[in-house]
Amino acid sequence: MSPPRVLIVDNDREMLAMLRRHLEFEGLAVAAATGGREALDAIAGARYDVILTDLIMDDTGGLEVLAPAQTRAPATRVLLMSAARTLGTAIE
């Protein structure tokens, strides 16, 4: 059985590298995208079991990644993460 496929999306390259290392250590098959547009291209070309995406990015945000990901593969779990300093921004 193949390991779960995870796509990590974050424009913070250090965070992206850290998450990738940890998930690969756990035996997951990990792909990475440095922004929302790159993530949309990755989603169009492959299926993922989980997408872990930053909410706020320079180009296309996590919410813009969420809808196409769920349309293409409804069983895909999408987790939004944020370093937002306020609860209001995180809830939005």
C-alpha atoms as a PDB file:
ATOM      1  CA  MET A   1       0.000   0.000   0.000  1.00  0.00           C
ATOM      2  CA  SER A   2       1.386   3.404  -0.944  1.00  0.00           C
ATOM      3  CA  PRO A   3       1.780   6.126   1.686  1.00  0.00           C
ATOM      4  CA  PRO A   4      -0.744   8.969   1.876  1.00  0.00           C
ATOM      5  CA  ARG A   5       0.018  11.819  -0.521  1.00  0.00           C
ATOM      6  CA  VAL A   6       0.297  15.263   1.035  1.00  0.00           C
ATOM      7  CA  LEU A   7       0.631  18.647  -0.657  1.00  0.00           C
ATOM      8  CA  ILE A   8       2.086  21.412   1.489  1.00  0.00           C
ATOM      9  CA  VAL A   9       1.489  24.981   0.320  1.00  0.00           C
ATOM     10  CA  ASP A  10       3.308  27.893   1.930  1.00  0.00           C
ATOM     11  CA  ASN A  11       5.173  30.915   0.619  1.00  0.00           C
ATOM     12  CA  ASP A  12       7.440  30.804   3.691  1.00  0.00           C
ATOM     13  CA  ARG A  13      10.187  28.519   2.402  1.00  0.00           C
ATOM     14  CA  GLU A  14      11.527  27.743   5.887  1.00  0.00           C
ATOM     15  CA  MET A  15       8.096  26.622   7.103  1.00  0.00           C
ATOM     16  CA  LEU A  16       7.619  24.613   3.917  1.00  0.00           C
ATOM     17  CA  ALA A  17      10.964  22.826   4.382  1.00  0.00           C
ATOM     18  CA  MET A  18      10.308  22.108   8.069  1.00  0.00           C
ATOM     19  CA  LEU A  19       6.848  20.656   7.417  1.00  0.00           C
ATOM     20  CA  ARG A  20       8.160  18.605   4.524  1.00  0.00           C
ATOM     21  CA  ARG A  21      10.986  17.108   6.621  1.00  0.00           C
ATOM     22  CA  HIS A  22       8.622  16.144   9.435  1.00  0.00           C
ATOM     23  CA  LEU A  23       5.982  14.595   7.191  1.00  0.00           C
ATOM     24  CA  GLU A  24       8.526  12.684   5.105  1.00  0.00           C
ATOM     25  CA  PHE A  25      10.075  11.401   8.337  1.00  0.00           C
ATOM     26  CA  GLU A  26       6.634  10.022   9.207  1.00  0.00           C
ATOM     27  CA  GLY A  27       6.610   8.141   5.904  1.00  0.00           C
ATOM     28  CA  LEU A  28       4.222  10.322   3.925  1.00  0.00           C
ATOM     29  CA  ALA A  29       4.667  11.084   0.220  1.00  0.00           C
ATOM     30  CA  VAL A  30       5.071  14.868   0.198  1.00  0.00           C
ATOM     31  CA  ALA A  31       4.853  17.415  -2.598  1.00  0.00           C
ATOM     32  CA  ALA A  32       5.386  21.114  -2.032  1.00  0.00           C
ATOM     33  CA  ALA A  33       4.168  24.354  -3.591  1.00  0.00           C
ATOM     34  CA  THR A  34       5.527  27.803  -2.770  1.00  0.00           C
ATOM     35  CA  GLY A  35       2.245  29.585  -3.427  1.00  0.00           C
ATOM     36  CA  GLY A  36      -1.389  29.213  -4.303  1.00  0.00           C
ATOM     37  CA  ARG A  37      -0.951  29.353  -8.065  1.00  0.00           C
ATOM     38  CA  GLU A  38       1.668  26.615  -7.934  1.00  0.00           C
ATOM     39  CA  ALA A  39      -0.680  24.595  -5.707  1.00  0.00           C
ATOM     40  CA  LEU A  40      -3.525  24.934  -8.221  1.00  0.00           C
ATOM     41  CA  ASP A  41      -1.216  23.571 -10.926  1.00  0.00           C
ATOM     42  CA  ALA A  42      -0.219  20.669  -8.653  1.00  0.00           C
ATOM     43  CA  ILE A  43      -3.875  19.876  -7.867  1.00  0.00           C
ATOM     44  CA  ALA A  44      -4.722  19.877 -11.573  1.00  0.00           C
ATOM     45  CA  GLY A  45      -1.985  17.341 -12.235  1.00  0.00           C
ATOM     46  CA  ALA A  46      -2.275  14.947  -9.291  1.00  0.00           C
ATOM     47  CA  ARG A  47      -4.511  13.787  -6.476  1.00  0.00           C
ATOM     48  CA  TYR A  48      -3.638  14.244  -2.826  1.00  0.00           C
ATOM     49  CA  ASP A  49      -5.087  12.723   0.322  1.00  0.00           C
ATOM     50  CA  VAL A  50      -4.321  15.862   2.339  1.00  0.00           C
ATOM     51  CA  ILE A  51      -3.525  19.447   1.404  1.00  0.00           C
ATOM     52  CA  LEU A  52      -1.952  21.566   4.123  1.00  0.00           C
ATOM     53  CA  THR A  53      -2.062  25.191   2.995  1.00  0.00           C
ATOM     54  CA  ASP A  54      -1.237  28.554   4.422  1.00  0.00           C
ATOM     55  CA  LEU A  55      -4.259  30.827   4.549  1.00  0.00           C
ATOM     56  CA  ILE A  56      -2.502  34.065   3.613  1.00  0.00           C
ATOM     57  CA  MET A  57       0.049  34.066   0.781  1.00  0.00           C
ATOM     58  CA  ASP A  58       1.389  36.649  -1.639  1.00  0.00           C
ATOM     59  CA  ASP A  59      -0.350  35.357  -4.747  1.00  0.00           C
ATOM     60  CA  THR A  60      -3.355  33.095  -4.222  1.00  0.00           C
ATOM     61  CA  GLY A  61      -4.486  32.345  -0.675  1.00  0.00           C
ATOM     62  CA  GLY A  62      -5.514  29.096   0.960  1.00  0.00           C
ATOM     63  CA  LEU A  63      -9.233  29.731   0.515  1.00  0.00           C
ATOM     64  CA  GLU A  64      -8.693  29.995  -3.250  1.00  0.00           C
ATOM     65  CA  VAL A  65      -6.919  26.623  -3.119  1.00  0.00           C
ATOM     66  CA  LEU A  66      -9.678  25.006  -1.048  1.00  0.00           C
ATOM     67  CA  ALA A  67     -12.582  25.138  -3.549  1.00  0.00           C
ATOM     68  CA  PRO A  68     -10.777  23.696  -6.607  1.00  0.00           C
ATOM     69  CA  ALA A  69      -9.168  21.013  -4.441  1.00  0.00           C
ATOM     70  CA  GLN A  70     -12.513  19.849  -3.118  1.00  0.00           C
ATOM     71  CA  THR A  71     -14.193  20.072  -6.515  1.00  0.00           C
ATOM     72  CA  ARG A  72     -11.512  17.910  -8.138  1.00  0.00           C
ATOM     73  CA  ALA A  73     -11.306  15.362  -5.309  1.00  0.00           C
ATOM     74  CA  PRO A  74     -14.051  15.725  -2.661  1.00  0.00           C
ATOM     75  CA  ALA A  75     -12.408  13.169  -0.349  1.00  0.00           C
ATOM     76  CA  THR A  76      -9.245  15.280  -0.088  1.00  0.00           C
ATOM     77  CA  ARG A  77      -8.850  16.828   3.347  1.00  0.00           C
ATOM     78  CA  VAL A  78      -7.757  20.463   3.210  1.00  0.00           C
ATOM     79  CA  LEU A  79      -6.214  21.966   6.334  1.00  0.00           C
ATOM     80  CA  LEU A  80      -5.787  25.730   6.463  1.00  0.00           C
ATOM     81  CA  MET A  81      -3.051  27.141   8.676  1.00  0.00           C
ATOM     82  CA  SER A  82      -2.269  30.703   9.537  1.00  0.00           C
ATOM     83  CA  ALA A  83       0.191  32.777  11.466  1.00  0.00           C
ATOM     84  CA  ALA A  84      -2.425  35.545  11.623  1.00  0.00           C
ATOM     85  CA  ARG A  85      -2.053  37.632  14.724  1.00  0.00           C
ATOM     86  CA  THR A  86      -5.738  38.220  15.254  1.00  0.00           C
ATOM     87  CA  LEU A  87      -8.593  35.798  15.713  1.00  0.00           C
ATOM     88  CA  GLY A  88     -10.690  37.790  13.225  1.00  0.00           C
ATOM     89  CA  THR A  89      -8.163  37.342  10.431  1.00  0.00           C
ATOM     90  CA  ALA A  90      -7.852  33.624  11.168  1.00  0.00           C
ATOM     91  CA  ILE A  91     -11.646  33.142  11.197  1.00  0.00           C
ATOM     92  CA  GLU A  92     -12.058  35.060   7.926  1.00  0.00           C
END
